[in-house]
Amino acid sequence: MSQTILIIEDNAQNLYLMRFLLERNGFTVVAAQDGRHGIELACANPPVAILLDIQLPLMDGYAVARELRKFESLNGIPIIAVTSYAMVGDREKALEAGATDYIEKPIDPDTFVDHLRRHIPG
């Protein structure tokens, strides 16, 4: 049975690469290009994990993570911030907002899926 990953990402190239890597490894991918739509998708059909860009239109990834964590049904779902924000303190800021982990862009295709799998039960 395929596991569903929600990607909240507004950059088409980043979305394409993540989708390609995940689908090649047996995951089903659902995508949203903004935080509000991502929250709706997560609530309607909780995925096994959420990959969350920080630089999003309308509401940034920090606000999206905080909003997702308000829903009890989503509390056990790992949220992985995937971002080009790589300054001192950016990782901590993502974790404080509710992210489970943090992956810097550009992502490494050789380690990306294994990094995500560490957070998915079973």
PDB file of N, CA and C in Angstrom:
ATOM      1  N   MET A   1       0.848  -1.188   0.000  1.00  0.00           N
ATOM      2  CA  MET A   1       0.000   0.000   0.000  1.00  0.00           C
ATOM      3  C   MET A   1       0.883   1.238   0.000  1.00  0.00           C
ATOM      4  N   SER A   2       0.571   2.183  -0.862  1.00  0.00           N
ATOM      5  CA  SER A   2       1.358   3.398  -1.010  1.00  0.00           C
ATOM      6  C   SER A   2       1.090   4.368   0.135  1.00  0.00           C
ATOM      7  N   GLN A   3       2.135   5.028   0.559  1.00  0.00           N
ATOM      8  CA  GLN A   3       2.006   6.039   1.603  1.00  0.00           C
ATOM      9  C   GLN A   3       1.972   7.413   0.941  1.00  0.00           C
ATOM     10  N   THR A   4       1.093   8.273   1.438  1.00  0.00           N
ATOM     11  CA  THR A   4       0.929   9.595   0.840  1.00  0.00           C
ATOM     12  C   THR A   4       1.751  10.645   1.571  1.00  0.00           C
ATOM     13  N   ILE A   5       2.476  11.423   0.783  1.00  0.00           N
ATOM     14  CA  ILE A   5       3.260  12.552   1.279  1.00  0.00           C
ATOM     15  C   ILE A   5       2.623  13.820   0.722  1.00  0.00           C
ATOM     16  N   LEU A   6       2.398  14.804   1.581  1.00  0.00           N
ATOM     17  CA  LEU A   6       1.908  16.110   1.156  1.00  0.00           C
ATOM     18  C   LEU A   6       3.107  17.035   1.014  1.00  0.00           C
ATOM     19  N   ILE A   7       3.243  17.642  -0.155  1.00  0.00           N
ATOM     20  CA  ILE A   7       4.294  18.634  -0.386  1.00  0.00           C
ATOM     21  C   ILE A   7       3.620  19.992  -0.524  1.00  0.00           C
ATOM     22  N   ILE A   8       4.029  20.931   0.319  1.00  0.00           N
ATOM     23  CA  ILE A   8       3.539  22.309   0.215  1.00  0.00           C
ATOM     24  C   ILE A   8       4.717  23.133  -0.290  1.00  0.00           C
ATOM     25  N   GLU A   9       4.694  23.440  -1.574  1.00  0.00           N
ATOM     26  CA  GLU A   9       5.833  24.050  -2.272  1.00  0.00           C
ATOM     27  C   GLU A   9       5.319  24.847  -3.465  1.00  0.00           C
ATOM     28  N   ASP A  10       5.765  26.093  -3.605  1.00  0.00           N
ATOM     29  CA  ASP A  10       5.286  26.922  -4.709  1.00  0.00           C
ATOM     30  C   ASP A  10       6.235  26.959  -5.904  1.00  0.00           C
ATOM     31  N   ASN A  11       7.437  26.417  -5.776  1.00  0.00           N
ATOM     32  CA  ASN A  11       8.398  26.420  -6.874  1.00  0.00           C
ATOM     33  C   ASN A  11       8.241  25.130  -7.678  1.00  0.00           C
ATOM     34  N   ALA A  12       7.918  25.273  -8.959  1.00  0.00           N
ATOM     35  CA  ALA A  12       7.623  24.117  -9.806  1.00  0.00           C
ATOM     36  C   ALA A  12       8.815  23.170  -9.941  1.00  0.00           C
ATOM     37  N   GLN A  13      10.031  23.693 -10.034  1.00  0.00           N
ATOM     38  CA  GLN A  13      11.208  22.834 -10.175  1.00  0.00           C
ATOM     39  C   GLN A  13      11.464  22.025  -8.905  1.00  0.00           C
ATOM     40  N   ASN A  14      11.344  22.671  -7.758  1.00  0.00           N
ATOM     41  CA  ASN A  14      11.531  21.948  -6.495  1.00  0.00           C
ATOM     42  C   ASN A  14      10.461  20.885  -6.317  1.00  0.00           C
ATOM     43  N   LEU A  15       9.227  21.238  -6.640  1.00  0.00           N
ATOM     44  CA  LEU A  15       8.127  20.282  -6.533  1.00  0.00           C
ATOM     45  C   LEU A  15       8.354  19.093  -7.454  1.00  0.00           C
ATOM     46  N   TYR A  16       8.776  19.360  -8.670  1.00  0.00           N
ATOM     47  CA  TYR A  16       9.025  18.289  -9.637  1.00  0.00           C
ATOM     48  C   TYR A  16      10.075  17.306  -9.113  1.00  0.00           C
ATOM     49  N   LEU A  17      11.191  17.836  -8.600  1.00  0.00           N
ATOM     50  CA  LEU A  17      12.259  16.973  -8.114  1.00  0.00           C
ATOM     51  C   LEU A  17      11.804  16.135  -6.919  1.00  0.00           C
ATOM     52  N   MET A  18      11.152  16.761  -5.955  1.00  0.00           N
ATOM     53  CA  MET A  18      10.689  16.002  -4.786  1.00  0.00           C
ATOM     54  C   MET A  18       9.668  14.942  -5.194  1.00  0.00           C
ATOM     55  N   ARG A  19       8.720  15.323  -6.059  1.00  0.00           N
ATOM     56  CA  ARG A  19       7.704  14.368  -6.532  1.00  0.00           C
ATOM     57  C   ARG A  19       8.371  13.191  -7.241  1.00  0.00           C
ATOM     58  N   PHE A  20       9.306  13.497  -8.116  1.00  0.00           N
ATOM     59  CA  PHE A  20      10.009  12.449  -8.863  1.00  0.00           C
ATOM     60  C   PHE A  20      10.695  11.472  -7.917  1.00  0.00           C
ATOM     61  N   LEU A  21      11.453  11.988  -6.966  1.00  0.00           N
ATOM     62  CA  LEU A  21      12.191  11.133  -6.024  1.00  0.00           C
ATOM     63  C   LEU A  21      11.240  10.292  -5.166  1.00  0.00           C
ATOM     64  N   LEU A  22      10.174  10.906  -4.694  1.00  0.00           N
ATOM     65  CA  LEU A  22       9.234  10.186  -3.833  1.00  0.00           C
ATOM     66  C   LEU A  22       8.454   9.130  -4.598  1.00  0.00           C
ATOM     67  N   GLU A  23       7.935   9.479  -5.763  1.00  0.00           N
ATOM     68  CA  GLU A  23       7.166   8.508  -6.543  1.00  0.00           C
ATOM     69  C   GLU A  23       8.044   7.355  -7.008  1.00  0.00           C
ATOM     70  N   ARG A  24       9.297   7.635  -7.324  1.00  0.00           N
ATOM     71  CA  ARG A  24      10.232   6.584  -7.724  1.00  0.00           C
ATOM     72  C   ARG A  24      10.479   5.604  -6.568  1.00  0.00           C
ATOM     73  N   ASN A  25      10.250   6.074  -5.359  1.00  0.00           N
ATOM     74  CA  ASN A  25      10.447   5.236  -4.175  1.00  0.00           C
ATOM     75  C   ASN A  25       9.132   4.720  -3.591  1.00  0.00           C
ATOM     76  N   GLY A  26       8.068   4.757  -4.383  1.00  0.00           N
ATOM     77  CA  GLY A  26       6.822   4.117  -4.002  1.00  0.00           C
ATOM     78  C   GLY A  26       5.820   4.962  -3.236  1.00  0.00           C
ATOM     79  N   PHE A  27       6.103   6.237  -3.054  1.00  0.00           N
ATOM     80  CA  PHE A  27       5.170   7.108  -2.345  1.00  0.00           C
ATOM     81  C   PHE A  27       4.158   7.710  -3.317  1.00  0.00           C
ATOM     82  N   THR A  28       2.996   8.059  -2.786  1.00  0.00           N
ATOM     83  CA  THR A  28       2.012   8.841  -3.525  1.00  0.00           C
ATOM     84  C   THR A  28       2.194  10.284  -3.062  1.00  0.00           C
ATOM     85  N   VAL A  29       2.159  11.219  -4.005  1.00  0.00           N
ATOM     86  CA  VAL A  29       2.390  12.622  -3.678  1.00  0.00           C
ATOM     87  C   VAL A  29       1.146  13.442  -3.954  1.00  0.00           C
ATOM     88  N   VAL A  30       0.790  14.264  -2.976  1.00  0.00           N
ATOM     89  CA  VAL A  30      -0.260  15.266  -3.114  1.00  0.00           C
ATOM     90  C   VAL A  30       0.442  16.608  -2.907  1.00  0.00           C
ATOM     91  N   ALA A  31       0.098  17.608  -3.716  1.00  0.00           N
ATOM     92  CA  ALA A  31       0.822  18.875  -3.628  1.00  0.00           C
ATOM     93  C   ALA A  31      -0.112  20.070  -3.520  1.00  0.00           C
ATOM     94  N   ALA A  32       0.388  21.080  -2.824  1.00  0.00           N
ATOM     95  CA  ALA A  32      -0.297  22.368  -2.706  1.00  0.00           C
ATOM     96  C   ALA A  32       0.746  23.452  -2.951  1.00  0.00           C
ATOM     97  N   GLN A  33       0.320  24.527  -3.601  1.00  0.00           N
ATOM     98  CA  GLN A  33       1.258  25.605  -3.909  1.00  0.00           C
ATOM     99  C   GLN A  33       1.201  26.753  -2.915  1.00  0.00           C
ATOM    100  N   ASP A  34       0.314  26.655  -1.944  1.00  0.00           N
ATOM    101  CA  ASP A  34       0.300  27.668  -0.888  1.00  0.00           C
ATOM    102  C   ASP A  34      -0.138  27.017   0.420  1.00  0.00           C
ATOM    103  N   GLY A  35       0.129  27.690   1.504  1.00  0.00           N
ATOM    104  CA  GLY A  35      -0.113  27.140   2.825  1.00  0.00           C
ATOM    105  C   GLY A  35      -1.562  26.847   3.132  1.00  0.00           C
ATOM    106  N   ARG A  36      -2.447  27.742   2.760  1.00  0.00           N
ATOM    107  CA  ARG A  36      -3.864  27.558   3.064  1.00  0.00           C
ATOM    108  C   ARG A  36      -4.387  26.282   2.404  1.00  0.00           C
ATOM    109  N   HIS A  37      -4.057  26.086   1.124  1.00  0.00           N
ATOM    110  CA  HIS A  37      -4.483  24.883   0.413  1.00  0.00           C
ATOM    111  C   HIS A  37      -3.837  23.643   1.028  1.00  0.00           C
ATOM    112  N   GLY A  38      -2.583  23.750   1.433  1.00  0.00           N
ATOM    113  CA  GLY A  38      -1.898  22.639   2.075  1.00  0.00           C
ATOM    114  C   GLY A  38      -2.567  22.221   3.373  1.00  0.00           C
ATOM    115  N   ILE A  39      -2.982  23.197   4.157  1.00  0.00           N
ATOM    116  CA  ILE A  39      -3.678  22.912   5.418  1.00  0.00           C
ATOM    117  C   ILE A  39      -4.991  22.194   5.132  1.00  0.00           C
ATOM    118  N   GLU A  40      -5.727  22.663   4.128  1.00  0.00           N
ATOM    119  CA  GLU A  40      -6.992  22.019   3.755  1.00  0.00           C
ATOM    120  C   GLU A  40      -6.772  20.567   3.340  1.00  0.00           C
ATOM    121  N   LEU A  41      -5.742  20.332   2.512  1.00  0.00           N
ATOM    122  CA  LEU A  41      -5.457  18.967   2.061  1.00  0.00           C
ATOM    123  C   LEU A  41      -5.061  18.069   3.225  1.00  0.00           C
ATOM    124  N   ALA A  42      -4.226  18.588   4.129  1.00  0.00           N
ATOM    125  CA  ALA A  42      -3.778  17.797   5.278  1.00  0.00           C
ATOM    126  C   ALA A  42      -4.945  17.421   6.180  1.00  0.00           C
ATOM    127  N   CYS A  43      -5.855  18.342   6.394  1.00  0.00           N
ATOM    128  CA  CYS A  43      -7.010  18.074   7.257  1.00  0.00           C
ATOM    129  C   CYS A  43      -7.993  17.102   6.607  1.00  0.00           C
ATOM    130  N   ALA A  44      -8.172  17.222   5.300  1.00  0.00           N
ATOM    131  CA  ALA A  44      -9.130  16.369   4.592  1.00  0.00           C
ATOM    132  C   ALA A  44      -8.654  14.935   4.480  1.00  0.00           C
ATOM    133  N   ASN A  45      -7.364  14.752   4.304  1.00  0.00           N
ATOM    134  CA  ASN A  45      -6.786  13.425   4.099  1.00  0.00           C
ATOM    135  C   ASN A  45      -5.386  13.406   4.699  1.00  0.00           C
ATOM    136  N   PRO A  46      -5.255  13.178   5.995  1.00  0.00           N
ATOM    137  CA  PRO A  46      -3.938  13.265   6.635  1.00  0.00           C
ATOM    138  C   PRO A  46      -2.897  12.359   5.966  1.00  0.00           C
ATOM    139  N   PRO A  47      -1.773  12.935   5.557  1.00  0.00           N
ATOM    140  CA  PRO A  47      -0.697  12.162   4.940  1.00  0.00           C
ATOM    141  C   PRO A  47       0.184  11.517   6.008  1.00  0.00           C
ATOM    142  N   VAL A  48       1.166  10.718   5.580  1.00  0.00           N
ATOM    143  CA  VAL A  48       2.110  10.141   6.542  1.00  0.00           C
ATOM    144  C   VAL A  48       3.211  11.133   6.898  1.00  0.00           C
ATOM    145  N   ALA A  49       3.398  12.156   6.037  1.00  0.00           N
ATOM    146  CA  ALA A  49       4.383  13.205   6.307  1.00  0.00           C
ATOM    147  C   ALA A  49       4.064  14.413   5.440  1.00  0.00           C
ATOM    148  N   ILE A  50       4.536  15.563   5.892  1.00  0.00           N
ATOM    149  CA  ILE A  50       4.345  16.818   5.162  1.00  0.00           C
ATOM    150  C   ILE A  50       5.714  17.438   4.918  1.00  0.00           C
ATOM    151  N   LEU A  51       5.998  17.744   3.659  1.00  0.00           N
ATOM    152  CA  LEU A  51       7.206  18.478   3.288  1.00  0.00           C
ATOM    153  C   LEU A  51       6.781  19.921   3.066  1.00  0.00           C
ATOM    154  N   LEU A  52       7.367  20.834   3.801  1.00  0.00           N
ATOM    155  CA  LEU A  52       6.877  22.209   3.855  1.00  0.00           C
ATOM    156  C   LEU A  52       7.964  23.212   3.509  1.00  0.00           C
ATOM    157  N   ASP A  53       7.756  23.935   2.411  1.00  0.00           N
ATOM    158  CA  ASP A  53       8.634  25.046   2.063  1.00  0.00           C
ATOM    159  C   ASP A  53       8.378  26.176   3.059  1.00  0.00           C
ATOM    160  N   ILE A  54       9.378  26.973   3.339  1.00  0.00           N
ATOM    161  CA  ILE A  54       9.203  28.094   4.252  1.00  0.00           C
ATOM    162  C   ILE A  54       8.807  29.365   3.505  1.00  0.00           C
ATOM    163  N   GLN A  55       9.348  29.558   2.315  1.00  0.00           N
ATOM    164  CA  GLN A  55       9.023  30.749   1.527  1.00  0.00           C
ATOM    165  C   GLN A  55       7.818  30.455   0.640  1.00  0.00           C
ATOM    166  N   LEU A  56       6.644  30.770   1.151  1.00  0.00           N
ATOM    167  CA  LEU A  56       5.398  30.506   0.435  1.00  0.00           C
ATOM    168  C   LEU A  56       4.609  31.798   0.273  1.00  0.00           C
ATOM    169  N   PRO A  57       3.752  31.864  -0.753  1.00  0.00           N
ATOM    170  CA  PRO A  57       2.883  33.035  -0.881  1.00  0.00           C
ATOM    171  C   PRO A  57       1.766  33.000   0.169  1.00  0.00           C
ATOM    172  N   LEU A  58       1.242  34.127   0.507  1.00  0.00           N
ATOM    173  CA  LEU A  58       0.112  34.320   1.407  1.00  0.00           C
ATOM    174  C   LEU A  58       0.461  34.098   2.878  1.00  0.00           C
ATOM    175  N   MET A  59       0.979  32.936   3.225  1.00  0.00           N
ATOM    176  CA  MET A  59       1.427  32.691   4.602  1.00  0.00           C
ATOM    177  C   MET A  59       2.701  31.863   4.542  1.00  0.00           C
ATOM    178  N   ASP A  60       3.707  32.274   5.317  1.00  0.00           N
ATOM    179  CA  ASP A  60       4.975  31.551   5.238  1.00  0.00           C
ATOM    180  C   ASP A  60       4.880  30.190   5.919  1.00  0.00           C
ATOM    181  N   GLY A  61       5.903  29.378   5.711  1.00  0.00           N
ATOM    182  CA  GLY A  61       5.908  28.019   6.236  1.00  0.00           C
ATOM    183  C   GLY A  61       5.860  27.943   7.754  1.00  0.00           C
ATOM    184  N   TYR A  62       6.417  28.949   8.423  1.00  0.00           N
ATOM    185  CA  TYR A  62       6.349  28.957   9.886  1.00  0.00           C
ATOM    186  C   TYR A  62       4.889  29.051  10.346  1.00  0.00           C
ATOM    187  N   ALA A  63       4.138  29.947   9.714  1.00  0.00           N
ATOM    188  CA  ALA A  63       2.720  30.107  10.057  1.00  0.00           C
ATOM    189  C   ALA A  63       1.940  28.848   9.700  1.00  0.00           C
ATOM    190  N   VAL A  64       2.286  28.218   8.578  1.00  0.00           N
ATOM    191  CA  VAL A  64       1.610  26.986   8.173  1.00  0.00           C
ATOM    192  C   VAL A  64       1.870  25.882   9.196  1.00  0.00           C
ATOM    193  N   ALA A  65       3.115  25.736   9.626  1.00  0.00           N
ATOM    194  CA  ALA A  65       3.445  24.698  10.617  1.00  0.00           C
ATOM    195  C   ALA A  65       2.688  24.938  11.918  1.00  0.00           C
ATOM    196  N   ARG A  66       2.657  26.186  12.369  1.00  0.00           N
ATOM    197  CA  ARG A  66       1.920  26.487  13.609  1.00  0.00           C
ATOM    198  C   ARG A  66       0.443  26.156  13.459  1.00  0.00           C
ATOM    199  N   GLU A  67      -0.124  26.467  12.303  1.00  0.00           N
ATOM    200  CA  GLU A  67      -1.542  26.192  12.054  1.00  0.00           C
ATOM    201  C   GLU A  67      -1.799  24.681  12.007  1.00  0.00           C
ATOM    202  N   LEU A  68      -0.937  23.939  11.319  1.00  0.00           N
ATOM    203  CA  LEU A  68      -1.102  22.484  11.233  1.00  0.00           C
ATOM    204  C   LEU A  68      -1.067  21.846  12.610  1.00  0.00           C
ATOM    205  N   ARG A  69      -0.237  22.349  13.494  1.00  0.00           N
ATOM    206  CA  ARG A  69      -0.095  21.772  14.827  1.00  0.00           C
ATOM    207  C   ARG A  69      -1.300  22.057  15.727  1.00  0.00           C
ATOM    208  N   LYS A  70      -2.192  22.924  15.297  1.00  0.00           N
ATOM    209  CA  LYS A  70      -3.408  23.182  16.068  1.00  0.00           C
ATOM    210  C   LYS A  70      -4.427  22.047  15.934  1.00  0.00           C
ATOM    211  N   PHE A  71      -4.282  21.214  14.900  1.00  0.00           N
ATOM    212  CA  PHE A  71      -5.232  20.135  14.643  1.00  0.00           C
ATOM    213  C   PHE A  71      -4.740  18.855  15.307  1.00  0.00           C
ATOM    214  N   GLU A  72      -5.515  18.351  16.241  1.00  0.00           N
ATOM    215  CA  GLU A  72      -5.140  17.143  16.971  1.00  0.00           C
ATOM    216  C   GLU A  72      -4.883  15.981  16.023  1.00  0.00           C
ATOM    217  N   SER A  73      -5.664  15.877  14.955  1.00  0.00           N
ATOM    218  CA  SER A  73      -5.518  14.771  14.011  1.00  0.00           C
ATOM    219  C   SER A  73      -4.193  14.811  13.244  1.00  0.00           C
ATOM    220  N   LEU A  74      -3.511  15.958  13.285  1.00  0.00           N
ATOM    221  CA  LEU A  74      -2.251  16.096  12.554  1.00  0.00           C
ATOM    222  C   LEU A  74      -1.031  16.117  13.463  1.00  0.00           C
ATOM    223  N   ASN A  75      -1.245  16.059  14.772  1.00  0.00           N
ATOM    224  CA  ASN A  75      -0.128  16.198  15.711  1.00  0.00           C
ATOM    225  C   ASN A  75       0.952  15.138  15.566  1.00  0.00           C
ATOM    226  N   GLY A  76       0.604  13.927  15.194  1.00  0.00           N
ATOM    227  CA  GLY A  76       1.600  12.872  15.064  1.00  0.00           C
ATOM    228  C   GLY A  76       2.277  12.820  13.711  1.00  0.00           C
ATOM    229  N   ILE A  77       1.872  13.679  12.810  1.00  0.00           N
ATOM    230  CA  ILE A  77       2.422  13.653  11.454  1.00  0.00           C
ATOM    231  C   ILE A  77       3.692  14.502  11.403  1.00  0.00           C
ATOM    232  N   PRO A  78       4.795  13.922  10.915  1.00  0.00           N
ATOM    233  CA  PRO A  78       6.017  14.713  10.819  1.00  0.00           C
ATOM    234  C   PRO A  78       5.891  15.807   9.762  1.00  0.00           C
ATOM    235  N   ILE A  79       6.353  16.982  10.125  1.00  0.00           N
ATOM    236  CA  ILE A  79       6.434  18.109   9.198  1.00  0.00           C
ATOM    237  C   ILE A  79       7.921  18.380   8.993  1.00  0.00           C
ATOM    238  N   ILE A  80       8.370  18.246   7.759  1.00  0.00           N
ATOM    239  CA  ILE A  80       9.770  18.475   7.438  1.00  0.00           C
ATOM    240  C   ILE A  80       9.875  19.781   6.664  1.00  0.00           C
ATOM    241  N   ALA A  81      10.521  20.772   7.264  1.00  0.00           N
ATOM    242  CA  ALA A  81      10.760  22.037   6.572  1.00  0.00           C
ATOM    243  C   ALA A  81      11.831  21.789   5.517  1.00  0.00           C
ATOM    244  N   VAL A  82      11.532  22.154   4.278  1.00  0.00           N
ATOM    245  CA  VAL A  82      12.485  22.015   3.175  1.00  0.00           C
ATOM    246  C   VAL A  82      12.692  23.420   2.642  1.00  0.00           C
ATOM    247  N   THR A  83      13.875  23.988   2.924  1.00  0.00           N
ATOM    248  CA  THR A  83      14.031  25.412   2.679  1.00  0.00           C
ATOM    249  C   THR A  83      15.450  25.817   2.328  1.00  0.00           C
ATOM    250  N   SER A  84      15.544  26.939   1.647  1.00  0.00           N
ATOM    251  CA  SER A  84      16.857  27.503   1.347  1.00  0.00           C
ATOM    252  C   SER A  84      17.324  28.401   2.489  1.00  0.00           C
ATOM    253  N   TYR A  85      16.491  28.619   3.481  1.00  0.00           N
ATOM    254  CA  TYR A  85      16.907  29.372   4.668  1.00  0.00           C
ATOM    255  C   TYR A  85      17.934  28.518   5.414  1.00  0.00           C
ATOM    256  N   ALA A  86      19.176  28.936   5.379  1.00  0.00           N
ATOM    257  CA  ALA A  86      20.239  28.138   5.992  1.00  0.00           C
ATOM    258  C   ALA A  86      21.146  28.981   6.888  1.00  0.00           C
ATOM    259  N   MET A  87      20.622  30.056   7.405  1.00  0.00           N
ATOM    260  CA  MET A  87      21.398  30.906   8.299  1.00  0.00           C
ATOM    261  C   MET A  87      21.319  30.348   9.718  1.00  0.00           C
ATOM    262  N   VAL A  88      22.228  30.810  10.554  1.00  0.00           N
ATOM    263  CA  VAL A  88      22.219  30.404  11.953  1.00  0.00           C
ATOM    264  C   VAL A  88      20.862  30.757  12.557  1.00  0.00           C
ATOM    265  N   GLY A  89      20.234  29.790  13.189  1.00  0.00           N
ATOM    266  CA  GLY A  89      18.943  30.007  13.836  1.00  0.00           C
ATOM    267  C   GLY A  89      17.739  29.637  12.997  1.00  0.00           C
ATOM    268  N   ASP A  90      17.907  29.463  11.678  1.00  0.00           N
ATOM    269  CA  ASP A  90      16.758  29.131  10.825  1.00  0.00           C
ATOM    270  C   ASP A  90      16.200  27.748  11.135  1.00  0.00           C
ATOM    271  N   ARG A  91      17.069  26.781  11.390  1.00  0.00           N
ATOM    272  CA  ARG A  91      16.603  25.434  11.735  1.00  0.00           C
ATOM    273  C   ARG A  91      15.793  25.480  13.025  1.00  0.00           C
ATOM    274  N   GLU A  92      16.305  26.179  14.002  1.00  0.00           N
ATOM    275  CA  GLU A  92      15.626  26.287  15.297  1.00  0.00           C
ATOM    276  C   GLU A  92      14.279  26.982  15.153  1.00  0.00           C
ATOM    277  N   LYS A  93      14.238  28.000  14.306  1.00  0.00           N
ATOM    278  CA  LYS A  93      12.981  28.720  14.081  1.00  0.00           C
ATOM    279  C   LYS A  93      11.923  27.792  13.479  1.00  0.00           C
ATOM    280  N   ALA A  94      12.331  26.939  12.546  1.00  0.00           N
ATOM    281  CA  ALA A  94      11.399  25.983  11.934  1.00  0.00           C
ATOM    282  C   ALA A  94      10.907  24.978  12.971  1.00  0.00           C
ATOM    283  N   LEU A  95      11.819  24.488  13.798  1.00  0.00           N
ATOM    284  CA  LEU A  95      11.438  23.516  14.829  1.00  0.00           C
ATOM    285  C   LEU A  95      10.513  24.145  15.867  1.00  0.00           C
ATOM    286  N   GLU A  96      10.773  25.378  16.247  1.00  0.00           N
ATOM    287  CA  GLU A  96       9.916  26.076  17.213  1.00  0.00           C
ATOM    288  C   GLU A  96       8.506  26.293  16.661  1.00  0.00           C
ATOM    289  N   ALA A  97       8.394  26.451  15.343  1.00  0.00           N
ATOM    290  CA  ALA A  97       7.091  26.661  14.717  1.00  0.00           C
ATOM    291  C   ALA A  97       6.278  25.371  14.623  1.00  0.00           C
ATOM    292  N   GLY A  98       6.933  24.220  14.841  1.00  0.00           N
ATOM    293  CA  GLY A  98       6.201  22.956  14.796  1.00  0.00           C
ATOM    294  C   GLY A  98       6.764  21.926  13.848  1.00  0.00           C
ATOM    295  N   ALA A  99       7.821  22.283  13.113  1.00  0.00           N
ATOM    296  CA  ALA A  99       8.442  21.303  12.222  1.00  0.00           C
ATOM    297  C   ALA A  99       9.133  20.222  13.053  1.00  0.00           C
ATOM    298  N   THR A 100       9.171  19.032  12.503  1.00  0.00           N
ATOM    299  CA  THR A 100       9.825  17.893  13.132  1.00  0.00           C
ATOM    300  C   THR A 100      11.307  17.869  12.788  1.00  0.00           C
ATOM    301  N   ASP A 101      11.615  18.303  11.572  1.00  0.00           N
ATOM    302  CA  ASP A 101      12.982  18.283  11.071  1.00  0.00           C
ATOM    303  C   ASP A 101      13.123  19.347   9.993  1.00  0.00           C
ATOM    304  N   TYR A 102      14.312  19.412   9.428  1.00  0.00           N
ATOM    305  CA  TYR A 102      14.686  20.496   8.528  1.00  0.00           C
ATOM    306  C   TYR A 102      15.639  19.940   7.473  1.00  0.00           C
ATOM    307  N   ILE A 103      15.350  20.200   6.209  1.00  0.00           N
ATOM    308  CA  ILE A 103      16.230  19.815   5.109  1.00  0.00           C
ATOM    309  C   ILE A 103      16.542  21.078   4.319  1.00  0.00           C
ATOM    310  N   GLU A 104      17.825  21.307   4.073  1.00  0.00           N
ATOM    311  CA  GLU A 104      18.241  22.492   3.311  1.00  0.00           C
ATOM    312  C   GLU A 104      18.119  22.236   1.820  1.00  0.00           C
ATOM    313  N   LYS A 105      17.741  23.302   1.090  1.00  0.00           N
ATOM    314  CA  LYS A 105      17.769  23.282  -0.370  1.00  0.00           C
ATOM    315  C   LYS A 105      19.106  23.863  -0.798  1.00  0.00           C
ATOM    316  N   PRO A 106      19.632  23.428  -1.906  1.00  0.00           N
ATOM    317  CA  PRO A 106      19.064  22.398  -2.775  1.00  0.00           C
ATOM    318  C   PRO A 106      19.144  21.028  -2.101  1.00  0.00           C
ATOM    319  N   ILE A 107      18.094  20.250  -2.306  1.00  0.00           N
ATOM    320  CA  ILE A 107      18.066  18.926  -1.681  1.00  0.00           C
ATOM    321  C   ILE A 107      19.084  18.014  -2.360  1.00  0.00           C
ATOM    322  N   ASP A 108      19.561  17.052  -1.609  1.00  0.00           N
ATOM    323  CA  ASP A 108      20.489  16.056  -2.128  1.00  0.00           C
ATOM    324  C   ASP A 108      19.664  14.839  -2.548  1.00  0.00           C
ATOM    325  N   PRO A 109      19.560  14.578  -3.847  1.00  0.00           N
ATOM    326  CA  PRO A 109      18.743  13.450  -4.314  1.00  0.00           C
ATOM    327  C   PRO A 109      19.178  12.106  -3.744  1.00  0.00           C
ATOM    328  N   ASP A 110      20.443  11.988  -3.356  1.00  0.00           N
ATOM    329  CA  ASP A 110      20.948  10.714  -2.844  1.00  0.00           C
ATOM    330  C   ASP A 110      20.523  10.441  -1.402  1.00  0.00           C
ATOM    331  N   THR A 111      20.178  11.477  -0.643  1.00  0.00           N
ATOM    332  CA  THR A 111      19.843  11.282   0.769  1.00  0.00           C
ATOM    333  C   THR A 111      18.425  11.736   1.128  1.00  0.00           C
ATOM    334  N   PHE A 112      17.767  12.430   0.232  1.00  0.00           N
ATOM    335  CA  PHE A 112      16.473  13.045   0.510  1.00  0.00           C
ATOM    336  C   PHE A 112      15.428  12.039   1.007  1.00  0.00           C
ATOM    337  N   VAL A 113      15.196  10.969   0.290  1.00  0.00           N
ATOM    338  CA  VAL A 113      14.146  10.014   0.650  1.00  0.00           C
ATOM    339  C   VAL A 113      14.500   9.294   1.947  1.00  0.00           C
ATOM    340  N   ASP A 114      15.763   8.916   2.115  1.00  0.00           N
ATOM    341  CA  ASP A 114      16.163   8.248   3.361  1.00  0.00           C
ATOM    342  C   ASP A 114      15.975   9.178   4.558  1.00  0.00           C
ATOM    343  N   HIS A 115      16.282  10.456   4.382  1.00  0.00           N
ATOM    344  CA  HIS A 115      16.080  11.441   5.455  1.00  0.00           C
ATOM    345  C   HIS A 115      14.600  11.485   5.842  1.00  0.00           C
ATOM    346  N   LEU A 116      13.733  11.520   4.862  1.00  0.00           N
ATOM    347  CA  LEU A 116      12.297  11.545   5.127  1.00  0.00           C
ATOM    348  C   LEU A 116      11.834  10.247   5.798  1.00  0.00           C
ATOM    349  N   ARG A 117      12.292   9.118   5.307  1.00  0.00           N
ATOM    350  CA  ARG A 117      11.860   7.812   5.846  1.00  0.00           C
ATOM    351  C   ARG A 117      12.141   7.664   7.331  1.00  0.00           C
ATOM    352  N   ARG A 118      13.162   8.327   7.842  1.00  0.00           N
ATOM    353  CA  ARG A 118      13.475   8.248   9.282  1.00  0.00           C
ATOM    354  C   ARG A 118      12.316   8.736  10.147  1.00  0.00           C
ATOM    355  N   HIS A 119      11.427   9.522   9.560  1.00  0.00           N
ATOM    356  CA  HIS A 119      10.321  10.112  10.324  1.00  0.00           C
ATOM    357  C   HIS A 119       8.989   9.427  10.099  1.00  0.00           C
ATOM    358  N   ILE A 120       8.960   8.435   9.207  1.00  0.00           N
ATOM    359  CA  ILE A 120       7.701   7.766   8.884  1.00  0.00           C
ATOM    360  C   ILE A 120       7.636   6.426   9.616  1.00  0.00           C
ATOM    361  N   PRO A 121       6.649   6.248  10.463  1.00  0.00           N
ATOM    362  CA  PRO A 121       6.525   4.987  11.200  1.00  0.00           C
ATOM    363  C   PRO A 121       6.331   3.801  10.248  1.00  0.00           C
ATOM    364  N   GLY A 122       6.899   2.666  10.637  1.00  0.00           N
ATOM    365  CA  GLY A 122       6.728   1.429   9.864  1.00  0.00           C
ATOM    366  C   GLY A 122       7.592   1.429   8.654  1.00  0.00           C
TER     367      GLY A 122
END
